[in-house]
Amino acid sequence: MTITVKCFASLAPLQPKNAGAFPIAPGETVARVMERLRVPEGGASLIFVNNVHRQPDTVLRDGDTVGFFPPLGGG
């Protein structure tokens, strides 16, 4: 099973070389993918799976697209 991983802004350096076909195990969650990518604790404030906001405990399926966005600031 594979997914597409997209890491944005300051998380871009964590995007794997095989981002278009990142292997996952059956039942793997977004949180486990974040661990594998070494996303720091609190490093992804927004998570999207197939363009829908999701939580780290979301179970991924073959063909999903996961996007990670860091906390954004402004002022």
PDB file of N, CA and C in Angstrom:
ATOM      1  N   MET A   1       0.839  -1.170   0.000  1.00  0.00           N
ATOM      2  CA  MET A   1       0.000   0.000   0.000  1.00  0.00           C
ATOM      3  C   MET A   1       0.891   1.243   0.000  1.00  0.00           C
ATOM      4  N   THR A   2       0.469   2.254  -0.747  1.00  0.00           N
ATOM      5  CA  THR A   2       1.235   3.495  -0.794  1.00  0.00           C
ATOM      6  C   THR A   2       0.301   4.698  -0.693  1.00  0.00           C
ATOM      7  N   ILE A   3       0.880   5.804  -0.214  1.00  0.00           N
ATOM      8  CA  ILE A   3       0.181   7.077  -0.141  1.00  0.00           C
ATOM      9  C   ILE A   3       1.070   8.140  -0.759  1.00  0.00           C
ATOM     10  N   THR A   4       0.511   9.322  -0.978  1.00  0.00           N
ATOM     11  CA  THR A   4       1.276  10.485  -1.408  1.00  0.00           C
ATOM     12  C   THR A   4       1.424  11.395  -0.202  1.00  0.00           C
ATOM     13  N   VAL A   5       2.644  11.848   0.051  1.00  0.00           N
ATOM     14  CA  VAL A   5       2.928  12.718   1.193  1.00  0.00           C
ATOM     15  C   VAL A   5       3.339  14.083   0.667  1.00  0.00           C
ATOM     16  N   LYS A   6       2.752  15.135   1.246  1.00  0.00           N
ATOM     17  CA  LYS A   6       3.116  16.501   0.894  1.00  0.00           C
ATOM     18  C   LYS A   6       3.414  17.275   2.172  1.00  0.00           C
ATOM     19  N   CYS A   7       4.628  17.785   2.268  1.00  0.00           N
ATOM     20  CA  CYS A   7       5.053  18.572   3.423  1.00  0.00           C
ATOM     21  C   CYS A   7       5.258  20.012   2.962  1.00  0.00           C
ATOM     22  N   PHE A   8       4.596  20.950   3.628  1.00  0.00           N
ATOM     23  CA  PHE A   8       4.603  22.343   3.190  1.00  0.00           C
ATOM     24  C   PHE A   8       5.411  23.244   4.114  1.00  0.00           C
ATOM     25  N   ALA A   9       5.859  24.368   3.548  1.00  0.00           N
ATOM     26  CA  ALA A   9       6.574  25.437   4.274  1.00  0.00           C
ATOM     27  C   ALA A   9       7.787  24.860   5.004  1.00  0.00           C
ATOM     28  N   SER A  10       7.901  25.114   6.299  1.00  0.00           N
ATOM     29  CA  SER A  10       9.103  24.690   7.035  1.00  0.00           C
ATOM     30  C   SER A  10       9.201  23.173   7.172  1.00  0.00           C
ATOM     31  N   LEU A  11       8.145  22.431   6.854  1.00  0.00           N
ATOM     32  CA  LEU A  11       8.197  20.970   6.891  1.00  0.00           C
ATOM     33  C   LEU A  11       8.688  20.369   5.575  1.00  0.00           C
ATOM     34  N   ALA A  12       8.850  21.188   4.550  1.00  0.00           N
ATOM     35  CA  ALA A  12       9.265  20.697   3.229  1.00  0.00           C
ATOM     36  C   ALA A  12      10.541  19.851   3.263  1.00  0.00           C
ATOM     37  N   PRO A  13      11.543  20.184   4.087  1.00  0.00           N
ATOM     38  CA  PRO A  13      12.744  19.335   4.114  1.00  0.00           C
ATOM     39  C   PRO A  13      12.484  17.902   4.593  1.00  0.00           C
ATOM     40  N   LEU A  14      11.348  17.668   5.245  1.00  0.00           N
ATOM     41  CA  LEU A  14      11.020  16.328   5.734  1.00  0.00           C
ATOM     42  C   LEU A  14      10.325  15.463   4.683  1.00  0.00           C
ATOM     43  N   GLN A  15       9.950  16.076   3.561  1.00  0.00           N
ATOM     44  CA  GLN A  15       9.260  15.314   2.519  1.00  0.00           C
ATOM     45  C   GLN A  15      10.192  14.234   1.978  1.00  0.00           C
ATOM     46  N   PRO A  16       9.733  12.979   1.972  1.00  0.00           N
ATOM     47  CA  PRO A  16      10.606  11.893   1.516  1.00  0.00           C
ATOM     48  C   PRO A  16      10.790  11.901   0.003  1.00  0.00           C
ATOM     49  N   LYS A  17      11.859  11.284  -0.436  1.00  0.00           N
ATOM     50  CA  LYS A  17      12.138  11.202  -1.873  1.00  0.00           C
ATOM     51  C   LYS A  17      11.066  10.380  -2.596  1.00  0.00           C
ATOM     52  N   ASN A  18      10.472   9.440  -1.891  1.00  0.00           N
ATOM     53  CA  ASN A  18       9.426   8.605  -2.484  1.00  0.00           C
ATOM     54  C   ASN A  18       8.033   9.128  -2.106  1.00  0.00           C
ATOM     55  N   ALA A  19       7.899  10.445  -2.032  1.00  0.00           N
ATOM     56  CA  ALA A  19       6.651  11.071  -1.567  1.00  0.00           C
ATOM     57  C   ALA A  19       5.434  10.679  -2.401  1.00  0.00           C
ATOM     58  N   GLY A  20       5.618  10.372  -3.655  1.00  0.00           N
ATOM     59  CA  GLY A  20       4.512   9.992  -4.516  1.00  0.00           C
ATOM     60  C   GLY A  20       4.077   8.547  -4.363  1.00  0.00           C
ATOM     61  N   ALA A  21       4.889   7.769  -3.696  1.00  0.00           N
ATOM     62  CA  ALA A  21       4.571   6.348  -3.468  1.00  0.00           C
ATOM     63  C   ALA A  21       5.187   5.919  -2.135  1.00  0.00           C
ATOM     64  N   PHE A  22       4.787   6.607  -1.059  1.00  0.00           N
ATOM     65  CA  PHE A  22       5.308   6.331   0.279  1.00  0.00           C
ATOM     66  C   PHE A  22       4.615   5.079   0.830  1.00  0.00           C
ATOM     67  N   PRO A  23       5.384   4.045   1.174  1.00  0.00           N
ATOM     68  CA  PRO A  23       4.761   2.795   1.612  1.00  0.00           C
ATOM     69  C   PRO A  23       4.194   2.907   3.035  1.00  0.00           C
ATOM     70  N   ILE A  24       3.024   2.303   3.221  1.00  0.00           N
ATOM     71  CA  ILE A  24       2.422   2.218   4.549  1.00  0.00           C
ATOM     72  C   ILE A  24       1.938   0.793   4.791  1.00  0.00           C
ATOM     73  N   ALA A  25       1.799   0.461   6.064  1.00  0.00           N
ATOM     74  CA  ALA A  25       1.268  -0.841   6.441  1.00  0.00           C
ATOM     75  C   ALA A  25      -0.244  -0.738   6.610  1.00  0.00           C
ATOM     76  N   PRO A  26      -0.966  -1.836   6.466  1.00  0.00           N
ATOM     77  CA  PRO A  26      -2.405  -1.807   6.729  1.00  0.00           C
ATOM     78  C   PRO A  26      -2.671  -1.305   8.154  1.00  0.00           C
ATOM     79  N   GLY A  27      -3.628  -0.388   8.285  1.00  0.00           N
ATOM     80  CA  GLY A  27      -3.978   0.160   9.588  1.00  0.00           C
ATOM     81  C   GLY A  27      -3.083   1.273  10.087  1.00  0.00           C
ATOM     82  N   GLU A  28      -2.109   1.684   9.274  1.00  0.00           N
ATOM     83  CA  GLU A  28      -1.187   2.742   9.695  1.00  0.00           C
ATOM     84  C   GLU A  28      -1.930   4.076   9.803  1.00  0.00           C
ATOM     85  N   THR A  29      -1.587   4.841  10.831  1.00  0.00           N
ATOM     86  CA  THR A  29      -2.240   6.121  11.080  1.00  0.00           C
ATOM     87  C   THR A  29      -1.374   7.280  10.608  1.00  0.00           C
ATOM     88  N   VAL A  30      -1.997   8.448  10.541  1.00  0.00           N
ATOM     89  CA  VAL A  30      -1.269   9.675  10.227  1.00  0.00           C
ATOM     90  C   VAL A  30      -0.157   9.884  11.256  1.00  0.00           C
ATOM     91  N   ALA A  31      -0.444   9.640  12.533  1.00  0.00           N
ATOM     92  CA  ALA A  31       0.559   9.825  13.591  1.00  0.00           C
ATOM     93  C   ALA A  31       1.796   8.965  13.338  1.00  0.00           C
ATOM     94  N   ARG A  32       1.608   7.740  12.887  1.00  0.00           N
ATOM     95  CA  ARG A  32       2.750   6.860  12.606  1.00  0.00           C
ATOM     96  C   ARG A  32       3.555   7.377  11.424  1.00  0.00           C
ATOM     97  N   VAL A  33       2.896   7.889  10.414  1.00  0.00           N
ATOM     98  CA  VAL A  33       3.615   8.471   9.276  1.00  0.00           C
ATOM     99  C   VAL A  33       4.423   9.677   9.758  1.00  0.00           C
ATOM    100  N   MET A  34       3.836  10.490  10.631  1.00  0.00           N
ATOM    101  CA  MET A  34       4.553  11.647  11.169  1.00  0.00           C
ATOM    102  C   MET A  34       5.804  11.203  11.930  1.00  0.00           C
ATOM    103  N   GLU A  35       5.697  10.125  12.702  1.00  0.00           N
ATOM    104  CA  GLU A  35       6.863   9.584  13.405  1.00  0.00           C
ATOM    105  C   GLU A  35       7.929   9.149  12.407  1.00  0.00           C
ATOM    106  N   ARG A  36       7.518   8.441  11.368  1.00  0.00           N
ATOM    107  CA  ARG A  36       8.465   7.946  10.372  1.00  0.00           C
ATOM    108  C   ARG A  36       9.168   9.092   9.649  1.00  0.00           C
ATOM    109  N   LEU A  37       8.441  10.202   9.437  1.00  0.00           N
ATOM    110  CA  LEU A  37       9.035  11.365   8.765  1.00  0.00           C
ATOM    111  C   LEU A  37       9.825  12.245   9.724  1.00  0.00           C
ATOM    112  N   ARG A  38       9.703  11.958  11.020  1.00  0.00           N
ATOM    113  CA  ARG A  38      10.369  12.728  12.079  1.00  0.00           C
ATOM    114  C   ARG A  38       9.848  14.158  12.172  1.00  0.00           C
ATOM    115  N   VAL A  39       8.533  14.289  12.008  1.00  0.00           N
ATOM    116  CA  VAL A  39       7.880  15.587  12.221  1.00  0.00           C
ATOM    117  C   VAL A  39       7.943  15.855  13.722  1.00  0.00           C
ATOM    118  N   PRO A  40       8.507  16.983  14.142  1.00  0.00           N
ATOM    119  CA  PRO A  40       8.623  17.250  15.573  1.00  0.00           C
ATOM    120  C   PRO A  40       7.257  17.387  16.250  1.00  0.00           C
ATOM    121  N   GLU A  41       7.220  17.111  17.555  1.00  0.00           N
ATOM    122  CA  GLU A  41       6.002  17.273  18.352  1.00  0.00           C
ATOM    123  C   GLU A  41       5.454  18.678  18.151  1.00  0.00           C
ATOM    124  N   GLY A  42       4.211  18.790  17.752  1.00  0.00           N
ATOM    125  CA  GLY A  42       3.597  20.092  17.502  1.00  0.00           C
ATOM    126  C   GLY A  42       4.031  20.730  16.195  1.00  0.00           C
ATOM    127  N   GLY A  43       4.792  20.000  15.387  1.00  0.00           N
ATOM    128  CA  GLY A  43       5.331  20.549  14.153  1.00  0.00           C
ATOM    129  C   GLY A  43       4.343  20.657  13.007  1.00  0.00           C
ATOM    130  N   ALA A  44       3.262  19.892  13.092  1.00  0.00           N
ATOM    131  CA  ALA A  44       2.228  19.951  12.055  1.00  0.00           C
ATOM    132  C   ALA A  44       0.926  20.374  12.726  1.00  0.00           C
ATOM    133  N   SER A  45       0.506  21.595  12.482  1.00  0.00           N
ATOM    134  CA  SER A  45      -0.721  22.080  13.113  1.00  0.00           C
ATOM    135  C   SER A  45      -1.952  21.768  12.269  1.00  0.00           C
ATOM    136  N   LEU A  46      -1.752  21.556  10.982  1.00  0.00           N
ATOM    137  CA  LEU A  46      -2.853  21.186  10.092  1.00  0.00           C
ATOM    138  C   LEU A  46      -2.478  19.917   9.335  1.00  0.00           C
ATOM    139  N   ILE A  47      -3.409  18.986   9.323  1.00  0.00           N
ATOM    140  CA  ILE A  47      -3.227  17.724   8.610  1.00  0.00           C
ATOM    141  C   ILE A  47      -4.435  17.532   7.704  1.00  0.00           C
ATOM    142  N   PHE A  48      -4.154  17.270   6.437  1.00  0.00           N
ATOM    143  CA  PHE A  48      -5.227  17.007   5.489  1.00  0.00           C
ATOM    144  C   PHE A  48      -5.029  15.627   4.875  1.00  0.00           C
ATOM    145  N   VAL A  49      -6.104  14.870   4.791  1.00  0.00           N
ATOM    146  CA  VAL A  49      -6.106  13.590   4.079  1.00  0.00           C
ATOM    147  C   VAL A  49      -7.147  13.726   2.980  1.00  0.00           C
ATOM    148  N   ASN A  50      -6.680  13.633   1.755  1.00  0.00           N
ATOM    149  CA  ASN A  50      -7.551  13.794   0.585  1.00  0.00           C
ATOM    150  C   ASN A  50      -8.322  15.116   0.653  1.00  0.00           C
ATOM    151  N   ASN A  51      -7.592  16.185   1.021  1.00  0.00           N
ATOM    152  CA  ASN A  51      -8.112  17.554   1.077  1.00  0.00           C
ATOM    153  C   ASN A  51      -9.169  17.788   2.153  1.00  0.00           C
ATOM    154  N   VAL A  52      -9.238  16.905   3.151  1.00  0.00           N
ATOM    155  CA  VAL A  52     -10.163  17.070   4.272  1.00  0.00           C
ATOM    156  C   VAL A  52      -9.348  17.105   5.561  1.00  0.00           C
ATOM    157  N   HIS A  53      -9.627  18.099   6.421  1.00  0.00           N
ATOM    158  CA  HIS A  53      -8.906  18.222   7.693  1.00  0.00           C
ATOM    159  C   HIS A  53      -9.128  16.962   8.535  1.00  0.00           C
ATOM    160  N   ARG A  54      -8.039  16.382   9.015  1.00  0.00           N
ATOM    161  CA  ARG A  54      -8.101  15.147   9.801  1.00  0.00           C
ATOM    162  C   ARG A  54      -7.201  15.249  11.029  1.00  0.00           C
ATOM    163  N   GLN A  55      -7.358  14.273  11.916  1.00  0.00           N
ATOM    164  CA  GLN A  55      -6.581  14.187  13.145  1.00  0.00           C
ATOM    165  C   GLN A  55      -5.485  13.125  12.998  1.00  0.00           C
ATOM    166  N   PRO A  56      -4.472  13.168  13.887  1.00  0.00           N
ATOM    167  CA  PRO A  56      -3.376  12.190  13.791  1.00  0.00           C
ATOM    168  C   PRO A  56      -3.802  10.730  13.924  1.00  0.00           C
ATOM    169  N   ASP A  57      -4.947  10.460  14.557  1.00  0.00           N
ATOM    170  CA  ASP A  57      -5.368   9.073  14.720  1.00  0.00           C
ATOM    171  C   ASP A  57      -6.114   8.517  13.504  1.00  0.00           C
ATOM    172  N   THR A  58      -6.185   9.300  12.427  1.00  0.00           N
ATOM    173  CA  THR A  58      -6.850   8.852  11.195  1.00  0.00           C
ATOM    174  C   THR A  58      -6.088   7.682  10.582  1.00  0.00           C
ATOM    175  N   VAL A  59      -6.798   6.609  10.284  1.00  0.00           N
ATOM    176  CA  VAL A  59      -6.204   5.442   9.622  1.00  0.00           C
ATOM    177  C   VAL A  59      -6.163   5.721   8.122  1.00  0.00           C
ATOM    178  N   LEU A  60      -5.006   5.476   7.541  1.00  0.00           N
ATOM    179  CA  LEU A  60      -4.804   5.749   6.114  1.00  0.00           C
ATOM    180  C   LEU A  60      -5.134   4.534   5.263  1.00  0.00           C
ATOM    181  N   ARG A  61      -5.514   4.825   4.012  1.00  0.00           N
ATOM    182  CA  ARG A  61      -5.839   3.777   3.047  1.00  0.00           C
ATOM    183  C   ARG A  61      -4.946   3.936   1.818  1.00  0.00           C
ATOM    184  N   ASP A  62      -4.813   2.862   1.092  1.00  0.00           N
ATOM    185  CA  ASP A  62      -4.027   2.862  -0.132  1.00  0.00           C
ATOM    186  C   ASP A  62      -4.518   3.978  -1.057  1.00  0.00           C
ATOM    187  N   GLY A  63      -3.590   4.781  -1.557  1.00  0.00           N
ATOM    188  CA  GLY A  63      -3.921   5.836  -2.502  1.00  0.00           C
ATOM    189  C   GLY A  63      -4.239   7.182  -1.879  1.00  0.00           C
ATOM    190  N   ASP A  64      -4.308   7.260  -0.544  1.00  0.00           N
ATOM    191  CA  ASP A  64      -4.583   8.542   0.112  1.00  0.00           C
ATOM    192  C   ASP A  64      -3.475   9.552  -0.163  1.00  0.00           C
ATOM    193  N   THR A  65      -3.828  10.825  -0.080  1.00  0.00           N
ATOM    194  CA  THR A  65      -2.860  11.922  -0.130  1.00  0.00           C
ATOM    195  C   THR A  65      -2.915  12.629   1.207  1.00  0.00           C
ATOM    196  N   VAL A  66      -1.746  12.764   1.840  1.00  0.00           N
ATOM    197  CA  VAL A  66      -1.653  13.377   3.166  1.00  0.00           C
ATOM    198  C   VAL A  66      -0.804  14.645   3.056  1.00  0.00           C
ATOM    199  N   GLY A  67      -1.325  15.738   3.593  1.00  0.00           N
ATOM    200  CA  GLY A  67      -0.599  17.004   3.600  1.00  0.00           C
ATOM    201  C   GLY A  67      -0.369  17.477   5.022  1.00  0.00           C
ATOM    202  N   PHE A  68       0.854  17.933   5.284  1.00  0.00           N
ATOM    203  CA  PHE A  68       1.228  18.438   6.609  1.00  0.00           C
ATOM    204  C   PHE A  68       1.608  19.910   6.492  1.00  0.00           C
ATOM    205  N   PHE A  69       1.003  20.751   7.342  1.00  0.00           N
ATOM    206  CA  PHE A  69       1.295  22.165   7.377  1.00  0.00           C
ATOM    207  C   PHE A  69       1.779  22.541   8.768  1.00  0.00           C
ATOM    208  N   PRO A  70       2.861  23.325   8.867  1.00  0.00           N
ATOM    209  CA  PRO A  70       3.355  23.745  10.181  1.00  0.00           C
ATOM    210  C   PRO A  70       2.470  24.863  10.756  1.00  0.00           C
ATOM    211  N   PRO A  71       2.657  25.178  12.040  1.00  0.00           N
ATOM    212  CA  PRO A  71       1.966  26.335  12.595  1.00  0.00           C
ATOM    213  C   PRO A  71       2.337  27.579  11.792  1.00  0.00           C
ATOM    214  N   LEU A  72       1.348  28.403  11.522  1.00  0.00           N
ATOM    215  CA  LEU A  72       1.587  29.614  10.750  1.00  0.00           C
ATOM    216  C   LEU A  72       1.452  30.827  11.646  1.00  0.00           C
ATOM    217  N   GLY A  73       2.287  31.789  11.441  1.00  0.00           N
ATOM    218  CA  GLY A  73       2.218  33.015  12.220  1.00  0.00           C
ATOM    219  C   GLY A  73       2.001  34.206  11.324  1.00  0.00           C
ATOM    220  N   GLY A  74       1.647  35.269  11.913  1.00  0.00           N
ATOM    221  CA  GLY A  74       1.436  36.487  11.133  1.00  0.00           C
ATOM    222  C   GLY A  74       1.338  37.669  12.061  1.00  0.00           C
ATOM    223  N   GLY A  75       1.185  38.775  11.452  1.00  0.00           N
ATOM    224  CA  GLY A  75       1.043  39.914  12.340  1.00  0.00           C
ATOM    225  C   GLY A  75       1.215  41.215  11.619  1.00  0.00           C
TER     226      GLY A  75
END
